[in-house]
């Protein structure tokens, strides 16, 4: 299945590429230190830690999050669908 191949790709690359909104607090925003923060970012960090891979965050909005996923720019989208 495609999902198994994608996980294999993530593990081989050693990096999980995750799309997250950074304009929707408390789920995703940019803090005063200019670093992304929020529930979606924490979830992405936890997942990367559990997989023992590096995390690469890609900021997205409601318009481009699905195209980023379907075109392979990211491995995963963590975002509300509201």
N, C-alpha and C. Protein backbone atom coordinates (compact mmCIF):
# COMPACT_ATOMS: atom_id res chain seq x y z
N UNK A 1 0.82 -1.20 0.00
CA UNK A 1 0.00 0.00 0.00
C UNK A 1 0.86 1.26 0.00
N UNK A 2 0.30 2.35 -0.50
CA UNK A 2 1.03 3.62 -0.60
C UNK A 2 1.48 4.11 0.77
N UNK A 3 0.65 3.94 1.80
CA UNK A 3 1.01 4.42 3.12
C UNK A 3 2.27 3.74 3.64
N UNK A 4 2.39 2.44 3.42
CA UNK A 4 3.57 1.71 3.87
C UNK A 4 4.81 2.22 3.15
N UNK A 5 4.71 2.48 1.87
CA UNK A 5 5.83 3.02 1.12
C UNK A 5 6.22 4.40 1.61
N UNK A 6 5.24 5.21 1.95
CA UNK A 6 5.53 6.56 2.44
C UNK A 6 6.26 6.50 3.77
N UNK A 7 5.83 5.64 4.67
CA UNK A 7 6.53 5.49 5.94
C UNK A 7 7.95 5.00 5.72
N UNK A 8 8.13 4.07 4.80
CA UNK A 8 9.48 3.61 4.46
C UNK A 8 10.33 4.77 3.95
N UNK A 9 9.74 5.63 3.13
CA UNK A 9 10.46 6.79 2.60
C UNK A 9 10.88 7.74 3.72
N UNK A 10 9.96 7.99 4.65
CA UNK A 10 10.26 8.86 5.79
C UNK A 10 11.42 8.29 6.61
N UNK A 11 11.35 7.00 6.88
CA UNK A 11 12.38 6.37 7.71
C UNK A 11 13.72 6.37 6.98
N UNK A 12 13.73 6.11 5.69
CA UNK A 12 14.98 6.09 4.92
C UNK A 12 15.58 7.49 4.83
N UNK A 13 14.73 8.49 4.67
CA UNK A 13 15.18 9.87 4.56
C UNK A 13 15.61 10.42 5.92
N UNK A 14 15.00 9.89 6.99
CA UNK A 14 15.32 10.37 8.33
C UNK A 14 14.66 11.68 8.68
N UNK A 15 13.69 12.09 7.87
CA UNK A 15 12.99 13.36 8.09
C UNK A 15 11.51 13.18 7.80
N UNK A 16 10.68 13.70 8.69
CA UNK A 16 9.23 13.73 8.49
C UNK A 16 8.85 15.15 8.09
N UNK A 17 8.29 15.30 6.91
CA UNK A 17 7.88 16.61 6.40
C UNK A 17 6.39 16.80 6.69
N UNK A 18 6.09 17.76 7.57
CA UNK A 18 4.72 17.96 8.02
C UNK A 18 4.25 19.38 7.69
N UNK A 19 3.08 19.46 7.07
CA UNK A 19 2.44 20.74 6.80
C UNK A 19 1.56 21.11 7.98
N UNK A 20 1.74 22.32 8.48
CA UNK A 20 0.95 22.81 9.61
C UNK A 20 0.56 24.27 9.37
N UNK A 21 -0.65 24.64 9.80
CA UNK A 21 -1.00 26.05 9.71
C UNK A 21 -0.24 26.82 10.79
N UNK A 22 0.13 28.04 10.50
CA UNK A 22 0.79 28.86 11.51
C UNK A 22 0.03 30.16 11.71
N UNK A 23 -1.25 30.13 11.34
CA UNK A 23 -2.09 31.32 11.46
C UNK A 23 -3.42 31.00 12.14
N UNK A 24 -3.43 29.94 12.96
CA UNK A 24 -4.68 29.49 13.57
C UNK A 24 -4.45 29.07 15.03
N UNK A 25 -4.16 30.05 15.92
CA UNK A 25 -3.94 29.71 17.32
C UNK A 25 -5.22 29.16 17.94
N UNK A 26 -5.16 28.27 18.87
CA UNK A 26 -3.98 27.73 19.55
C UNK A 26 -3.39 26.51 18.86
N UNK A 27 -3.87 26.19 17.68
CA UNK A 27 -3.40 24.99 16.98
C UNK A 27 -2.08 25.22 16.28
N UNK A 28 -1.91 26.37 15.68
CA UNK A 28 -0.65 26.69 15.02
C UNK A 28 -0.50 28.19 14.90
N UNK A 29 0.62 28.69 15.39
CA UNK A 29 0.91 30.12 15.28
C UNK A 29 2.42 30.31 15.39
N UNK A 30 2.84 31.55 15.26
CA UNK A 30 4.25 31.88 15.42
C UNK A 30 4.38 32.66 16.72
N UNK A 31 5.27 32.19 17.59
CA UNK A 31 5.47 32.83 18.88
C UNK A 31 6.32 34.09 18.79
N UNK A 32 6.46 34.79 19.92
CA UNK A 32 7.28 36.00 19.95
C UNK A 32 8.74 35.73 19.57
N UNK A 33 9.17 34.49 19.73
CA UNK A 33 10.55 34.11 19.37
C UNK A 33 10.66 33.73 17.89
N UNK A 34 9.55 33.93 17.15
CA UNK A 34 9.47 33.63 15.71
C UNK A 34 9.54 32.14 15.40
N UNK A 35 9.27 31.30 16.39
CA UNK A 35 9.24 29.85 16.19
C UNK A 35 7.78 29.40 16.18
N UNK A 36 7.47 28.38 15.35
CA UNK A 36 6.10 27.88 15.33
C UNK A 36 5.74 27.22 16.65
N UNK A 37 4.48 27.39 17.05
CA UNK A 37 4.01 26.77 18.29
C UNK A 37 2.52 26.48 18.17
N UNK A 38 2.06 25.60 19.05
CA UNK A 38 0.65 25.26 19.09
C UNK A 38 0.45 23.75 19.10
N UNK A 39 -0.80 23.34 19.24
CA UNK A 39 -1.14 21.92 19.34
C UNK A 39 -0.70 21.13 18.12
N UNK A 40 -0.94 21.66 16.92
CA UNK A 40 -0.55 20.94 15.70
C UNK A 40 0.97 20.76 15.64
N UNK A 41 1.72 21.78 16.04
CA UNK A 41 3.17 21.71 16.02
C UNK A 41 3.65 20.71 17.06
N UNK A 42 3.05 20.74 18.26
CA UNK A 42 3.41 19.78 19.31
C UNK A 42 3.14 18.35 18.86
N UNK A 43 2.02 18.14 18.16
CA UNK A 43 1.68 16.81 17.66
C UNK A 43 2.71 16.34 16.63
N UNK A 44 3.12 17.23 15.75
CA UNK A 44 4.14 16.89 14.75
C UNK A 44 5.46 16.53 15.42
N UNK A 45 5.85 17.30 16.43
CA UNK A 45 7.09 17.02 17.16
C UNK A 45 7.03 15.66 17.85
N UNK A 46 5.90 15.37 18.47
CA UNK A 46 5.73 14.09 19.16
C UNK A 46 5.84 12.93 18.17
N UNK A 47 5.21 13.06 17.03
CA UNK A 47 5.26 12.00 16.02
C UNK A 47 6.69 11.78 15.52
N UNK A 48 7.39 12.86 15.21
CA UNK A 48 8.78 12.75 14.75
C UNK A 48 9.66 12.13 15.84
N UNK A 49 9.44 12.53 17.08
CA UNK A 49 10.21 11.95 18.19
C UNK A 49 9.96 10.45 18.30
N UNK A 50 8.71 10.04 18.18
CA UNK A 50 8.37 8.62 18.28
C UNK A 50 8.97 7.81 17.14
N UNK A 51 9.04 8.41 15.96
CA UNK A 51 9.64 7.74 14.80
C UNK A 51 11.17 7.84 14.80
N UNK A 52 11.69 8.70 15.70
CA UNK A 52 13.15 8.94 15.79
C UNK A 52 13.71 9.50 14.48
N UNK A 53 12.99 10.49 13.94
CA UNK A 53 13.42 11.18 12.72
C UNK A 53 13.39 12.68 12.98
N UNK A 54 14.05 13.43 12.12
CA UNK A 54 14.01 14.89 12.20
C UNK A 54 12.66 15.38 11.71
N UNK A 55 12.30 16.56 12.16
CA UNK A 55 11.03 17.16 11.77
C UNK A 55 11.28 18.37 10.88
N UNK A 56 10.58 18.41 9.76
CA UNK A 56 10.62 19.57 8.86
C UNK A 56 9.20 20.11 8.75
N UNK A 57 8.97 21.29 9.32
CA UNK A 57 7.65 21.91 9.28
C UNK A 57 7.51 22.80 8.05
N UNK A 58 6.36 22.71 7.41
CA UNK A 58 6.05 23.55 6.26
C UNK A 58 4.78 24.32 6.57
N UNK A 59 4.84 25.65 6.61
CA UNK A 59 3.62 26.42 6.87
C UNK A 59 2.66 26.33 5.68
N UNK A 60 1.38 26.13 5.99
CA UNK A 60 0.35 26.04 4.95
C UNK A 60 -0.88 26.83 5.38
N UNK A 61 -1.80 26.98 4.44
CA UNK A 61 -3.10 27.58 4.73
C UNK A 61 -4.18 26.62 4.24
N UNK A 62 -5.44 27.02 4.42
CA UNK A 62 -6.53 26.11 4.06
C UNK A 62 -6.58 25.81 2.57
N UNK A 63 -6.04 26.67 1.74
CA UNK A 63 -6.07 26.48 0.29
C UNK A 63 -5.00 25.51 -0.20
N UNK A 64 -3.80 25.58 0.35
CA UNK A 64 -2.71 24.78 -0.21
C UNK A 64 -2.35 23.52 0.57
N UNK A 65 -2.99 23.26 1.71
CA UNK A 65 -2.57 22.11 2.52
C UNK A 65 -2.80 20.77 1.82
N UNK A 66 -3.93 20.59 1.17
CA UNK A 66 -4.19 19.31 0.48
C UNK A 66 -3.32 19.16 -0.76
N UNK A 67 -3.18 20.20 -1.61
CA UNK A 67 -2.26 20.07 -2.75
C UNK A 67 -0.82 19.76 -2.33
N UNK A 68 -0.35 20.33 -1.23
CA UNK A 68 1.00 20.00 -0.76
C UNK A 68 1.11 18.51 -0.45
N UNK A 69 0.06 17.95 0.11
CA UNK A 69 0.07 16.52 0.45
C UNK A 69 -0.02 15.67 -0.81
N UNK A 70 -0.94 15.99 -1.70
CA UNK A 70 -1.15 15.14 -2.87
C UNK A 70 -0.01 15.21 -3.88
N UNK A 71 0.76 16.29 -3.85
CA UNK A 71 1.90 16.40 -4.76
C UNK A 71 3.21 15.94 -4.13
N UNK A 72 3.15 15.49 -2.88
CA UNK A 72 4.35 14.95 -2.24
C UNK A 72 5.30 15.99 -1.66
N UNK A 73 4.87 17.24 -1.58
CA UNK A 73 5.74 18.26 -0.95
C UNK A 73 5.89 18.00 0.54
N UNK A 74 4.87 17.36 1.13
CA UNK A 74 4.91 16.98 2.55
C UNK A 74 4.43 15.54 2.68
N UNK A 75 4.79 14.92 3.80
CA UNK A 75 4.37 13.55 4.07
C UNK A 75 3.02 13.51 4.78
N UNK A 76 2.70 14.58 5.49
CA UNK A 76 1.56 14.57 6.39
C UNK A 76 1.07 16.00 6.58
N UNK A 77 -0.24 16.15 6.74
CA UNK A 77 -0.83 17.44 7.12
C UNK A 77 -1.45 17.26 8.49
N UNK A 78 -1.08 18.12 9.41
CA UNK A 78 -1.73 18.15 10.72
C UNK A 78 -2.42 19.49 10.81
N UNK A 79 -3.76 19.47 10.71
CA UNK A 79 -4.53 20.71 10.67
C UNK A 79 -6.00 20.39 10.85
N UNK A 80 -6.72 21.33 11.45
CA UNK A 80 -8.17 21.16 11.50
C UNK A 80 -8.71 21.34 10.09
N UNK A 81 -9.82 20.72 9.81
CA UNK A 81 -10.41 20.85 8.47
C UNK A 81 -11.54 21.87 8.46
N UNK A 82 -11.57 22.71 9.48
CA UNK A 82 -12.61 23.74 9.58
C UNK A 82 -12.38 24.89 8.66
